[in-house]
């Protein structure tokens, strides 16, 4: 039986045209994948005006109670390749994201590691075109999570910014890693985050590095 996935797009504000069209293409691609017996996706769009942490808790609980295999989170300002799930599913890991970057300066990668002092820092020298572990966690703008990870976590699964130094994304990854799960990034596939009028990606990151 193919993997069953809940795809969730929390929407707070109106969605910009490029991400909206991208979601249409993505839903068409996942429908074809189901016809071909590769995986099946059911989509959920919480919102509007629903806090992201609330929406993530709603869809996480739906994935658990629906006995689905994965939860695929994608923010409403992301642009992703139509075959992104093919890339992420074949890695068969607990928690995984494509590579993507902050949409506002500094344009840093939203995957993290720790420096020699033990401080969490962006993974600036991340491996290119590779699967690699992210000791400091990932941003959750685009993330595939095994439901077994969600089921193992105490409620609420998503807890908001409980620490001023970290977001709810990193807090989630930190707790998941403390339970023995691992966070990963697949840099063979890239997502882009809108910063009008463009979607920010690796060329903007490389340019930002040159100007620092």
Protein backbone atom coordinates (compact mmCIF):
# COMPACT_ATOMS: atom_id res chain seq x y z
CA UNK A 1 0.00 0.00 0.00
CA UNK A 2 1.34 3.44 -0.90
CA UNK A 3 2.09 6.08 1.77
CA UNK A 4 -0.88 8.17 2.92
CA UNK A 5 -0.12 11.84 3.48
CA UNK A 6 -1.98 14.81 4.90
CA UNK A 7 -0.86 17.94 3.08
CA UNK A 8 -1.49 21.09 5.10
CA UNK A 9 -1.29 24.71 3.95
CA UNK A 10 -2.06 27.02 6.89
CA UNK A 11 -3.39 30.30 5.49
CA UNK A 12 -3.40 33.45 7.58
CA UNK A 13 -3.41 36.25 4.98
CA UNK A 14 -4.40 36.22 1.33
CA UNK A 15 -2.15 33.99 -0.79
CA UNK A 16 0.00 35.67 -3.44
CA UNK A 17 -0.49 34.60 -7.09
CA UNK A 18 2.73 32.61 -7.55
CA UNK A 19 2.28 30.39 -4.45
CA UNK A 20 -1.43 29.96 -5.30
CA UNK A 21 -0.66 28.75 -8.82
CA UNK A 22 2.12 26.58 -7.44
CA UNK A 23 -0.30 24.86 -5.04
CA UNK A 24 -2.61 24.11 -7.97
CA UNK A 25 0.25 22.50 -9.88
CA UNK A 26 1.34 20.60 -6.78
CA UNK A 27 -2.16 19.24 -6.16
CA UNK A 28 -2.36 18.09 -9.78
CA UNK A 29 1.00 16.33 -9.41
CA UNK A 30 -0.07 14.57 -6.21
CA UNK A 31 -3.33 13.46 -7.84
CA UNK A 32 -1.31 11.88 -10.65
CA UNK A 33 0.98 10.21 -8.09
CA UNK A 34 -2.07 8.61 -6.49
CA UNK A 35 -3.35 7.37 -9.86
CA UNK A 36 0.07 5.82 -10.44
CA UNK A 37 0.04 4.19 -6.99
CA UNK A 38 3.07 6.08 -5.63
CA UNK A 39 1.44 7.95 -2.71
CA UNK A 40 -1.86 9.55 -1.82
CA UNK A 41 -2.36 13.09 -0.48
CA UNK A 42 -5.42 14.66 1.11
CA UNK A 43 -5.19 18.42 1.44
CA UNK A 44 -6.22 20.59 4.39
CA UNK A 45 -6.17 24.41 4.35
CA UNK A 46 -6.70 25.78 7.88
CA UNK A 47 -7.60 29.46 8.01
CA UNK A 48 -7.87 32.27 7.29
CA UNK A 49 -6.77 34.25 10.32
CA UNK A 50 -5.80 31.10 12.22
CA UNK A 51 -2.52 31.28 14.11
CA UNK A 52 0.09 29.06 12.50
CA UNK A 53 0.81 27.16 15.71
CA UNK A 54 -2.92 26.46 16.13
CA UNK A 55 -3.23 25.28 12.53
CA UNK A 56 -0.24 22.98 12.90
CA UNK A 57 -1.73 21.39 16.00
CA UNK A 58 -5.04 20.85 14.20
CA UNK A 59 -3.47 19.11 11.21
CA UNK A 60 -1.03 17.12 13.35
CA UNK A 61 -3.94 15.68 15.30
CA UNK A 62 -5.80 14.96 12.05
CA UNK A 63 -2.79 13.03 10.75
CA UNK A 64 -2.64 10.97 13.95
CA UNK A 65 -6.35 10.23 14.29
CA UNK A 66 -6.65 9.53 10.56
CA UNK A 67 -3.83 6.97 10.85
CA UNK A 68 -1.92 8.59 8.01
CA UNK A 69 1.76 7.94 7.42
CA UNK A 70 3.02 11.50 6.99
CA UNK A 71 2.17 15.13 7.54
CA UNK A 72 3.41 17.49 4.83
CA UNK A 73 3.52 21.11 6.02
CA UNK A 74 3.89 23.93 3.53
CA UNK A 75 3.43 27.60 4.34
CA UNK A 76 1.18 29.78 2.20
CA UNK A 77 4.11 31.83 0.88
CA UNK A 78 6.21 28.91 -0.39
CA UNK A 79 6.92 27.86 -3.99
CA UNK A 80 8.05 24.26 -4.42
CA UNK A 81 8.85 21.83 -7.25
CA UNK A 82 5.89 19.72 -8.35
CA UNK A 83 7.84 16.53 -7.55
CA UNK A 84 8.98 17.64 -4.09
CA UNK A 85 7.22 14.76 -2.31
CA UNK A 86 8.92 12.23 -4.57
CA UNK A 87 12.27 13.63 -3.43
CA UNK A 88 11.44 13.76 0.28
CA UNK A 89 9.59 10.42 0.53
CA UNK A 90 12.40 8.39 -0.99
CA UNK A 91 14.70 9.49 1.87
CA UNK A 92 12.47 7.63 4.40
CA UNK A 93 13.56 9.65 7.44
CA UNK A 94 11.72 11.05 10.47
CA UNK A 95 11.66 14.77 9.67
CA UNK A 96 12.92 16.32 6.46
CA UNK A 97 12.85 19.62 4.59
CA UNK A 98 14.18 20.80 1.26
CA UNK A 99 16.73 23.56 1.39
CA UNK A 100 15.18 27.02 1.61
CA UNK A 101 16.15 30.45 2.90
CA UNK A 102 14.92 33.45 4.86
CA UNK A 103 12.89 35.74 2.62
CA UNK A 104 14.25 38.89 4.30
CA UNK A 105 17.81 39.92 5.08
CA UNK A 106 19.90 38.22 6.18
CA UNK A 107 19.13 35.59 3.54
CA UNK A 108 20.29 32.65 5.65
CA UNK A 109 19.52 28.95 5.15
CA UNK A 110 16.63 27.83 7.34
CA UNK A 111 18.47 24.73 8.51
CA UNK A 112 20.62 24.88 11.61
CA UNK A 113 23.64 23.37 13.29
CA UNK A 114 25.76 24.26 16.32
CA UNK A 115 29.05 26.13 16.35
CA UNK A 116 32.10 25.20 18.43
CA UNK A 117 30.66 27.17 21.37
CA UNK A 118 27.43 25.17 21.33
CA UNK A 119 25.34 28.03 19.93
CA UNK A 120 22.68 27.29 17.31
CA UNK A 121 23.59 28.94 14.00
CA UNK A 122 22.38 28.75 10.39
CA UNK A 123 24.08 25.89 8.52
CA UNK A 124 25.98 28.24 6.18
CA UNK A 125 28.26 25.58 4.69
CA UNK A 126 25.52 22.98 4.23
CA UNK A 127 26.37 20.11 1.85
CA UNK A 128 25.17 20.76 -1.68
CA UNK A 129 23.07 18.20 -3.57
CA UNK A 130 23.02 15.85 -0.60
CA UNK A 131 20.99 14.46 2.26
CA UNK A 132 22.42 15.73 5.54
CA UNK A 133 21.44 15.85 9.19
CA UNK A 134 20.53 19.19 10.77
CA UNK A 135 21.57 19.03 14.45
CA UNK A 136 19.98 22.42 15.21
CA UNK A 137 16.69 21.68 13.46
CA UNK A 138 14.85 23.06 10.44
CA UNK A 139 12.42 25.79 9.60
CA UNK A 140 8.92 24.39 9.11
CA UNK A 141 7.91 26.39 6.05
CA UNK A 142 8.17 23.17 4.06
CA UNK A 143 8.56 19.92 5.99
CA UNK A 144 7.60 16.24 5.75
CA UNK A 145 7.10 14.53 9.11
CA UNK A 146 6.36 10.89 9.85
CA UNK A 147 3.16 10.64 11.86
CA UNK A 148 4.94 8.31 14.28
CA UNK A 149 7.01 11.34 15.35
CA UNK A 150 3.88 13.39 16.06
CA UNK A 151 2.23 10.53 17.96
CA UNK A 152 5.26 10.20 20.24
CA UNK A 153 5.17 13.84 21.33
CA UNK A 154 3.27 15.25 24.30
CA UNK A 155 0.41 17.63 23.58
CA UNK A 156 0.39 20.28 22.44
CA UNK A 157 2.74 19.18 19.68
CA UNK A 158 3.36 22.75 18.53
CA UNK A 159 3.87 25.18 21.40
CA UNK A 160 4.50 28.62 19.98
CA UNK A 161 7.48 30.71 20.94
CA UNK A 162 8.14 29.36 24.43
CA UNK A 163 11.69 30.70 24.25
CA UNK A 164 12.45 34.19 22.90
CA UNK A 165 15.61 32.82 21.29
CA UNK A 166 13.91 30.16 19.14
CA UNK A 167 10.77 29.83 17.05
CA UNK A 168 8.10 27.15 17.42
CA UNK A 169 9.73 25.39 14.45
CA UNK A 170 13.02 24.94 16.25
CA UNK A 171 11.30 24.16 19.56
CA UNK A 172 9.43 21.33 17.81
CA UNK A 173 12.62 19.98 16.22
CA UNK A 174 14.49 20.19 19.52
CA UNK A 175 11.84 18.16 21.36
CA UNK A 176 11.63 15.62 18.54
CA UNK A 177 15.40 15.15 18.59
CA UNK A 178 15.33 14.76 22.38
CA UNK A 179 13.01 11.77 21.81
CA UNK A 180 15.53 10.14 19.51
CA UNK A 181 14.18 11.29 16.16
CA UNK A 182 16.44 13.02 13.65
CA UNK A 183 15.98 16.09 11.49
CA UNK A 184 17.30 16.15 7.94
CA UNK A 185 17.59 18.35 4.87
CA UNK A 186 17.63 17.23 1.24
CA UNK A 187 19.54 19.92 -0.64
CA UNK A 188 18.95 18.19 -3.98
CA UNK A 189 15.57 19.92 -3.92
CA UNK A 190 14.87 23.58 -3.15
CA UNK A 191 11.82 25.52 -2.00
CA UNK A 192 11.54 29.29 -2.37
CA UNK A 193 9.82 31.76 -0.05
CA UNK A 194 8.02 34.81 -1.40
CA UNK A 195 9.40 38.27 -0.73
CA UNK A 196 7.46 40.40 -3.19
CA UNK A 197 7.99 40.67 -6.06
CA UNK A 198 10.24 37.57 -6.14
CA UNK A 199 10.56 34.19 -4.47
CA UNK A 200 13.85 33.99 -2.59
CA UNK A 201 16.16 31.07 -3.40
CA UNK A 202 19.77 29.97 -3.62
CA UNK A 203 20.91 32.73 -6.06
CA UNK A 204 19.83 35.35 -3.52
CA UNK A 205 21.66 33.46 -0.77
CA UNK A 206 24.87 33.28 -2.76
CA UNK A 207 24.60 36.98 -3.59
CA UNK A 208 24.05 37.86 0.07
CA UNK A 209 27.19 35.94 1.03
CA UNK A 210 29.25 38.02 -1.40
CA UNK A 211 28.05 41.28 0.13
CA UNK A 212 28.68 40.42 3.78
